[in-house]
Amino acid sequence: CINNRSYIAVTAHFIDGDGKMCSVCLGCEYF
């Protein structure tokens, strides 16, 4: 980021029971 702090994000992608594509952010953490 602009303050020189490092971050890592992880996002999960899957198809739910209705056949729809879903994306959920599992984490965006300071590393």
ModelCIF file with pLDDT and N, C-alpha, C, O atoms, coordinates in Angstrom:
data_MODEL
#
_entry.id   MODEL 
#
_entity.id                         1 
_entity.type                       polymer 
_entity.pdbx_number_of_molecules   1 
#
_entity_poly.entity_id                      1 
_entity_poly.type                           'polypeptide(L)' 
_entity_poly.nstd_linkage                   no 
_entity_poly.nstd_monomer                   no 
_entity_poly.pdbx_seq_one_letter_code       CINNRSYIAVTAHFIDGDGKMCSVCLGCEYF 
_entity_poly.pdbx_seq_one_letter_code_can   CINNRSYIAVTAHFIDGDGKMCSVCLGCEYF 
_entity_poly.pdbx_strand_id                 A 
#
loop_
_entity_poly_seq.entity_id 
_entity_poly_seq.num 
_entity_poly_seq.mon_id 
_entity_poly_seq.hetero 
1 1  CYS n 
1 2  ILE n 
1 3  ASN n 
1 4  ASN n 
1 5  ARG n 
1 6  SER n 
1 7  TYR n 
1 8  ILE n 
1 9  ALA n 
1 10 VAL n 
1 11 THR n 
1 12 ALA n 
1 13 HIS n 
1 14 PHE n 
1 15 ILE n 
1 16 ASP n 
1 17 GLY n 
1 18 ASP n 
1 19 GLY n 
1 20 LYS n 
1 21 MET n 
1 22 CYS n 
1 23 SER n 
1 24 VAL n 
1 25 CYS n 
1 26 LEU n 
1 27 GLY n 
1 28 CYS n 
1 29 GLU n 
1 30 TYR n 
1 31 PHE n 
#
_struct_asym.id          A 
_struct_asym.entity_id   1 
#
loop_
_ma_qa_metric.id 
_ma_qa_metric.mode 
_ma_qa_metric.name 
_ma_qa_metric.software_group_id 
_ma_qa_metric.type 
1 global pLDDT . pLDDT 
2 local  pLDDT . pLDDT 
#
_ma_qa_metric_global.metric_id      1 
_ma_qa_metric_global.metric_value   91.39 
_ma_qa_metric_global.model_id       1 
_ma_qa_metric_global.ordinal_id     1 
#
loop_
_ma_qa_metric_local.label_asym_id 
_ma_qa_metric_local.label_comp_id 
_ma_qa_metric_local.label_seq_id 
_ma_qa_metric_local.metric_id 
_ma_qa_metric_local.metric_value 
_ma_qa_metric_local.model_id 
_ma_qa_metric_local.ordinal_id 
A CYS 1  2 85.00 1 1  
A ILE 2  2 85.00 1 2  
A ASN 3  2 86.00 1 3  
A ASN 4  2 88.00 1 4  
A ARG 5  2 90.00 1 5  
A SER 6  2 92.00 1 6  
A TYR 7  2 94.00 1 7  
A ILE 8  2 94.00 1 8  
A ALA 9  2 94.00 1 9  
A VAL 10 2 95.00 1 10 
A THR 11 2 95.00 1 11 
A ALA 12 2 95.00 1 12 
A HIS 13 2 96.00 1 13 
A PHE 14 2 95.00 1 14 
A ILE 15 2 93.00 1 15 
A ASP 16 2 88.00 1 16 
A GLY 17 2 85.00 1 17 
A ASP 18 2 87.00 1 18 
A GLY 19 2 88.00 1 19 
A LYS 20 2 91.00 1 20 
A MET 21 2 93.00 1 21 
A CYS 22 2 93.00 1 22 
A SER 23 2 94.00 1 23 
A VAL 24 2 94.00 1 24 
A CYS 25 2 93.00 1 25 
A LEU 26 2 94.00 1 26 
A GLY 27 2 91.00 1 27 
A CYS 28 2 91.00 1 28 
A GLU 29 2 91.00 1 29 
A TYR 30 2 92.00 1 30 
A PHE 31 2 91.00 1 31 
#
loop_
_atom_site.group_PDB 
_atom_site.id 
_atom_site.type_symbol 
_atom_site.label_atom_id 
_atom_site.label_alt_id 
_atom_site.label_comp_id 
_atom_site.label_asym_id 
_atom_site.label_entity_id 
_atom_site.label_seq_id 
_atom_site.pdbx_PDB_ins_code 
_atom_site.Cartn_x 
_atom_site.Cartn_y 
_atom_site.Cartn_z 
_atom_site.occupancy 
_atom_site.B_iso_or_equiv 
_atom_site.pdbx_formal_charge 
_atom_site.auth_seq_id 
_atom_site.auth_comp_id 
_atom_site.auth_asym_id 
_atom_site.auth_atom_id 
_atom_site.pdbx_PDB_model_num 
ATOM 1   N N  . CYS A 1 1  ? 0.838   -1.196  0.000   1.00 85.00 ? 1  CYS A N  1 
ATOM 2   C CA . CYS A 1 1  ? 0.000   0.000   0.000   1.00 85.00 ? 1  CYS A CA 1 
ATOM 3   C C  . CYS A 1 1  ? 0.876   1.250   0.000   1.00 85.00 ? 1  CYS A C  1 
ATOM 4   O O  . CYS A 1 1  ? 2.104   1.165   0.001   1.00 85.00 ? 1  CYS A O  1 
ATOM 5   N N  . ILE A 1 2  ? 0.228   2.401   -0.002  1.00 85.00 ? 2  ILE A N  1 
ATOM 6   C CA . ILE A 1 2  ? 0.939   3.674   -0.078  1.00 85.00 ? 2  ILE A CA 1 
ATOM 7   C C  . ILE A 1 2  ? 1.792   3.919   1.165   1.00 85.00 ? 2  ILE A C  1 
ATOM 8   O O  . ILE A 1 2  ? 2.753   4.687   1.122   1.00 85.00 ? 2  ILE A O  1 
ATOM 9   N N  . ASN A 1 3  ? 1.437   3.262   2.275   1.00 86.00 ? 3  ASN A N  1 
ATOM 10  C CA . ASN A 1 3  ? 2.213   3.385   3.515   1.00 86.00 ? 3  ASN A CA 1 
ATOM 11  C C  . ASN A 1 3  ? 3.314   2.338   3.626   1.00 86.00 ? 3  ASN A C  1 
ATOM 12  O O  . ASN A 1 3  ? 3.902   2.142   4.689   1.00 86.00 ? 3  ASN A O  1 
ATOM 13  N N  . ASN A 1 4  ? 3.579   1.669   2.503   1.00 88.00 ? 4  ASN A N  1 
ATOM 14  C CA . ASN A 1 4  ? 4.642   0.667   2.430   1.00 88.00 ? 4  ASN A CA 1 
ATOM 15  C C  . ASN A 1 4  ? 4.378   -0.530  3.346   1.00 88.00 ? 4  ASN A C  1 
ATOM 16  O O  . ASN A 1 4  ? 5.311   -1.113  3.898   1.00 88.00 ? 4  ASN A O  1 
ATOM 17  N N  . ARG A 1 5  ? 3.130   -0.884  3.499   1.00 90.00 ? 5  ARG A N  1 
ATOM 18  C CA . ARG A 1 5  ? 2.740   -2.080  4.255   1.00 90.00 ? 5  ARG A CA 1 
ATOM 19  C C  . ARG A 1 5  ? 2.289   -3.146  3.269   1.00 90.00 ? 5  ARG A C  1 
ATOM 20  O O  . ARG A 1 5  ? 1.550   -2.866  2.325   1.00 90.00 ? 5  ARG A O  1 
ATOM 21  N N  . SER A 1 6  ? 2.741   -4.364  3.500   1.00 92.00 ? 6  SER A N  1 
ATOM 22  C CA . SER A 1 6  ? 2.469   -5.458  2.573   1.00 92.00 ? 6  SER A CA 1 
ATOM 23  C C  . SER A 1 6  ? 1.209   -6.210  2.976   1.00 92.00 ? 6  SER A C  1 
ATOM 24  O O  . SER A 1 6  ? 0.995   -6.498  4.154   1.00 92.00 ? 6  SER A O  1 
ATOM 25  N N  . TYR A 1 7  ? 0.362   -6.532  1.969   1.00 94.00 ? 7  TYR A N  1 
ATOM 26  C CA . TYR A 1 7  ? -0.882  -7.264  2.198   1.00 94.00 ? 7  TYR A CA 1 
ATOM 27  C C  . TYR A 1 7  ? -1.004  -8.419  1.210   1.00 94.00 ? 7  TYR A C  1 
ATOM 28  O O  . TYR A 1 7  ? -0.450  -8.382  0.111   1.00 94.00 ? 7  TYR A O  1 
ATOM 29  N N  . ILE A 1 8  ? -1.741  -9.445  1.628   1.00 94.00 ? 8  ILE A N  1 
ATOM 30  C CA . ILE A 1 8  ? -2.028  -10.585 0.753   1.00 94.00 ? 8  ILE A CA 1 
ATOM 31  C C  . ILE A 1 8  ? -3.524  -10.884 0.862   1.00 94.00 ? 8  ILE A C  1 
ATOM 32  O O  . ILE A 1 8  ? -4.082  -10.923 1.959   1.00 94.00 ? 8  ILE A O  1 
ATOM 33  N N  . ALA A 1 9  ? -4.162  -11.095 -0.289  1.00 94.00 ? 9  ALA A N  1 
ATOM 34  C CA . ALA A 1 9  ? -5.585  -11.425 -0.320  1.00 94.00 ? 9  ALA A CA 1 
ATOM 35  C C  . ALA A 1 9  ? -5.775  -12.790 -0.949  1.00 94.00 ? 9  ALA A C  1 
ATOM 36  O O  . ALA A 1 9  ? -5.034  -13.183 -1.851  1.00 94.00 ? 9  ALA A O  1 
ATOM 37  N N  . VAL A 1 10 ? -6.779  -13.511 -0.463  1.00 95.00 ? 10 VAL A N  1 
ATOM 38  C CA . VAL A 1 10 ? -7.123  -14.836 -0.984  1.00 95.00 ? 10 VAL A CA 1 
ATOM 39  C C  . VAL A 1 10 ? -8.628  -14.859 -1.243  1.00 95.00 ? 10 VAL A C  1 
ATOM 40  O O  . VAL A 1 10 ? -9.418  -14.501 -0.369  1.00 95.00 ? 10 VAL A O  1 
ATOM 41  N N  . THR A 1 11 ? -9.021  -15.281 -2.445  1.00 95.00 ? 11 THR A N  1 
ATOM 42  C CA . THR A 1 11 ? -10.432 -15.352 -2.816  1.00 95.00 ? 11 THR A CA 1 
ATOM 43  C C  . THR A 1 11 ? -10.764 -16.757 -3.288  1.00 95.00 ? 11 THR A C  1 
ATOM 44  O O  . THR A 1 11 ? -10.010 -17.368 -4.045  1.00 95.00 ? 11 THR A O  1 
ATOM 45  N N  . ALA A 1 12 ? -11.912 -17.264 -2.828  1.00 95.00 ? 12 ALA A N  1 
ATOM 46  C CA . ALA A 1 12 ? -12.377 -18.593 -3.230  1.00 95.00 ? 12 ALA A CA 1 
ATOM 47  C C  . ALA A 1 12 ? -13.461 -18.458 -4.292  1.00 95.00 ? 12 ALA A C  1 
ATOM 48  O O  . ALA A 1 12 ? -14.314 -17.575 -4.210  1.00 95.00 ? 12 ALA A O  1 
ATOM 49  N N  . HIS A 1 13 ? -13.421 -19.338 -5.285  1.00 96.00 ? 13 HIS A N  1 
ATOM 50  C CA . HIS A 1 13 ? -14.411 -19.353 -6.369  1.00 96.00 ? 13 HIS A CA 1 
ATOM 51  C C  . HIS A 1 13 ? -15.000 -20.766 -6.441  1.00 96.00 ? 13 HIS A C  1 
ATOM 52  O O  . HIS A 1 13 ? -14.269 -21.756 -6.444  1.00 96.00 ? 13 HIS A O  1 
ATOM 53  N N  . PHE A 1 14 ? -16.330 -20.839 -6.499  1.00 95.00 ? 14 PHE A N  1 
ATOM 54  C CA . PHE A 1 14 ? -16.982 -22.139 -6.533  1.00 95.00 ? 14 PHE A CA 1 
ATOM 55  C C  . PHE A 1 14 ? -18.386 -21.990 -7.119  1.00 95.00 ? 14 PHE A C  1 
ATOM 56  O O  . PHE A 1 14 ? -18.897 -20.881 -7.270  1.00 95.00 ? 14 PHE A O  1 
ATOM 57  N N  . ILE A 1 15 ? -18.987 -23.113 -7.440  1.00 93.00 ? 15 ILE A N  1 
ATOM 58  C CA . ILE A 1 15 ? -20.355 -23.148 -7.967  1.00 93.00 ? 15 ILE A CA 1 
ATOM 59  C C  . ILE A 1 15 ? -21.264 -23.675 -6.858  1.00 93.00 ? 15 ILE A C  1 
ATOM 60  O O  . ILE A 1 15 ? -21.030 -24.754 -6.314  1.00 93.00 ? 15 ILE A O  1 
ATOM 61  N N  . ASP A 1 16 ? -22.291 -22.912 -6.531  1.00 88.00 ? 16 ASP A N  1 
ATOM 62  C CA . ASP A 1 16 ? -23.176 -23.313 -5.436  1.00 88.00 ? 16 ASP A CA 1 
ATOM 63  C C  . ASP A 1 16 ? -24.213 -24.337 -5.895  1.00 88.00 ? 16 ASP A C  1 
ATOM 64  O O  . ASP A 1 16 ? -24.178 -24.797 -7.036  1.00 88.00 ? 16 ASP A O  1 
ATOM 65  N N  . GLY A 1 17 ? -25.127 -24.686 -5.005  1.00 85.00 ? 17 GLY A N  1 
ATOM 66  C CA . GLY A 1 17 ? -26.123 -25.699 -5.310  1.00 85.00 ? 17 GLY A CA 1 
ATOM 67  C C  . GLY A 1 17 ? -27.098 -25.303 -6.398  1.00 85.00 ? 17 GLY A C  1 
ATOM 68  O O  . GLY A 1 17 ? -27.737 -26.169 -6.995  1.00 85.00 ? 17 GLY A O  1 
ATOM 69  N N  . ASP A 1 18 ? -27.228 -23.993 -6.673  1.00 87.00 ? 18 ASP A N  1 
ATOM 70  C CA . ASP A 1 18 ? -28.119 -23.515 -7.734  1.00 87.00 ? 18 ASP A CA 1 
ATOM 71  C C  . ASP A 1 18 ? -27.410 -23.355 -9.068  1.00 87.00 ? 18 ASP A C  1 
ATOM 72  O O  . ASP A 1 18 ? -27.990 -22.864 -10.037 1.00 87.00 ? 18 ASP A O  1 
ATOM 73  N N  . GLY A 1 19 ? -26.141 -23.777 -9.112  1.00 88.00 ? 19 GLY A N  1 
ATOM 74  C CA . GLY A 1 19 ? -25.391 -23.678 -10.360 1.00 88.00 ? 19 GLY A CA 1 
ATOM 75  C C  . GLY A 1 19 ? -24.843 -22.295 -10.644 1.00 88.00 ? 19 GLY A C  1 
ATOM 76  O O  . GLY A 1 19 ? -24.470 -22.008 -11.781 1.00 88.00 ? 19 GLY A O  1 
ATOM 77  N N  . LYS A 1 20 ? -24.783 -21.433 -9.646  1.00 91.00 ? 20 LYS A N  1 
ATOM 78  C CA . LYS A 1 20 ? -24.275 -20.077 -9.836  1.00 91.00 ? 20 LYS A CA 1 
ATOM 79  C C  . LYS A 1 20 ? -22.824 -19.975 -9.382  1.00 91.00 ? 20 LYS A C  1 
ATOM 80  O O  . LYS A 1 20 ? -22.423 -20.570 -8.382  1.00 91.00 ? 20 LYS A O  1 
ATOM 81  N N  . MET A 1 21 ? -22.045 -19.206 -10.143 1.00 93.00 ? 21 MET A N  1 
ATOM 82  C CA . MET A 1 21 ? -20.656 -18.974 -9.770  1.00 93.00 ? 21 MET A CA 1 
ATOM 83  C C  . MET A 1 21 ? -20.598 -17.995 -8.610  1.00 93.00 ? 21 MET A C  1 
ATOM 84  O O  . MET A 1 21 ? -21.202 -16.924 -8.672  1.00 93.00 ? 21 MET A O  1 
ATOM 85  N N  . CYS A 1 22 ? -19.881 -18.348 -7.556  1.00 93.00 ? 22 CYS A N  1 
ATOM 86  C CA . CYS A 1 22 ? -19.757 -17.505 -6.364  1.00 93.00 ? 22 CYS A CA 1 
ATOM 87  C C  . CYS A 1 22 ? -18.296 -17.214 -6.086  1.00 93.00 ? 22 CYS A C  1 
ATOM 88  O O  . CYS A 1 22 ? -17.430 -18.061 -6.306  1.00 93.00 ? 22 CYS A O  1 
ATOM 89  N N  . SER A 1 23 ? -18.029 -16.023 -5.607  1.00 94.00 ? 23 SER A N  1 
ATOM 90  C CA . SER A 1 23 ? -16.683 -15.619 -5.216  1.00 94.00 ? 23 SER A CA 1 
ATOM 91  C C  . SER A 1 23 ? -16.742 -15.022 -3.823  1.00 94.00 ? 23 SER A C  1 
ATOM 92  O O  . SER A 1 23 ? -17.542 -14.124 -3.559  1.00 94.00 ? 23 SER A O  1 
ATOM 93  N N  . VAL A 1 24 ? -15.899 -15.515 -2.933  1.00 94.00 ? 24 VAL A N  1 
ATOM 94  C CA . VAL A 1 24 ? -15.882 -15.058 -1.547  1.00 94.00 ? 24 VAL A CA 1 
ATOM 95  C C  . VAL A 1 24 ? -14.446 -14.742 -1.148  1.00 94.00 ? 24 VAL A C  1 
ATOM 96  O O  . VAL A 1 24 ? -13.548 -15.568 -1.309  1.00 94.00 ? 24 VAL A O  1 
ATOM 97  N N  . CYS A 1 25 ? -14.239 -13.529 -0.622  1.00 93.00 ? 25 CYS A N  1 
ATOM 98  C CA . CYS A 1 25 ? -12.908 -13.146 -0.140  1.00 93.00 ? 25 CYS A CA 1 
ATOM 99  C C  . CYS A 1 25 ? -12.669 -13.820 1.206   1.00 93.00 ? 25 CYS A C  1 
ATOM 100 O O  . CYS A 1 25 ? -13.351 -13.523 2.187   1.00 93.00 ? 25 CYS A O  1 
ATOM 101 N N  . LEU A 1 26 ? -11.704 -14.724 1.247   1.00 94.00 ? 26 LEU A N  1 
ATOM 102 C CA . LEU A 1 26 ? -11.407 -15.455 2.477   1.00 94.00 ? 26 LEU A CA 1 
ATOM 103 C C  . LEU A 1 26 ? -10.530 -14.651 3.427   1.00 94.00 ? 26 LEU A C  1 
ATOM 104 O O  . LEU A 1 26 ? -10.520 -14.900 4.632   1.00 94.00 ? 26 LEU A O  1 
ATOM 105 N N  . GLY A 1 27 ? -9.813  -13.709 2.895   1.00 91.00 ? 27 GLY A N  1 
ATOM 106 C CA . GLY A 1 27 ? -8.952  -12.908 3.760   1.00 91.00 ? 27 GLY A CA 1 
ATOM 107 C C  . GLY A 1 27 ? -8.163  -11.882 2.990   1.00 91.00 ? 27 GLY A C  1 
ATOM 108 O O  . GLY A 1 27 ? -7.766  -12.108 1.846   1.00 91.00 ? 27 GLY A O  1 
ATOM 109 N N  . CYS A 1 28 ? -7.941  -10.752 3.626   1.00 91.00 ? 28 CYS A N  1 
ATOM 110 C CA . CYS A 1 28 ? -7.054  -9.706  3.104   1.00 91.00 ? 28 CYS A CA 1 
ATOM 111 C C  . CYS A 1 28 ? -6.279  -9.203  4.304   1.00 91.00 ? 28 CYS A C  1 
ATOM 112 O O  . CYS A 1 28 ? -6.746  -8.327  5.032   1.00 91.00 ? 28 CYS A O  1 
ATOM 113 N N  . GLU A 1 29 ? -5.099  -9.757  4.509   1.00 91.00 ? 29 GLU A N  1 
ATOM 114 C CA . GLU A 1 29 ? -4.391  -9.566  5.765   1.00 91.00 ? 29 GLU A CA 1 
ATOM 115 C C  . GLU A 1 29 ? -3.028  -8.907  5.567   1.00 91.00 ? 29 GLU A C  1 
ATOM 116 O O  . GLU A 1 29 ? -2.381  -9.032  4.527   1.00 91.00 ? 29 GLU A O  1 
ATOM 117 N N  . TYR A 1 30 ? -2.631  -8.202  6.617   1.00 92.00 ? 30 TYR A N  1 
ATOM 118 C CA . TYR A 1 30 ? -1.306  -7.597  6.653   1.00 92.00 ? 30 TYR A CA 1 
ATOM 119 C C  . TYR A 1 30 ? -0.263  -8.706  6.778   1.00 92.00 ? 30 TYR A C  1 
ATOM 120 O O  . TYR A 1 30 ? -0.370  -9.578  7.641   1.00 92.00 ? 30 TYR A O  1 
ATOM 121 N N  . PHE A 1 31 ? 0.743   -8.662  5.911   1.00 91.00 ? 31 PHE A N  1 
ATOM 122 C CA . PHE A 1 31 ? 1.761   -9.721  5.862   1.00 91.00 ? 31 PHE A CA 1 
ATOM 123 C C  . PHE A 1 31 ? 3.121   -9.077  6.073   1.00 91.00 ? 31 PHE A C  1 
ATOM 124 O O  . PHE A 1 31 ? 4.139   -9.770  6.072   1.00 91.00 ? 31 PHE A O  1 
#
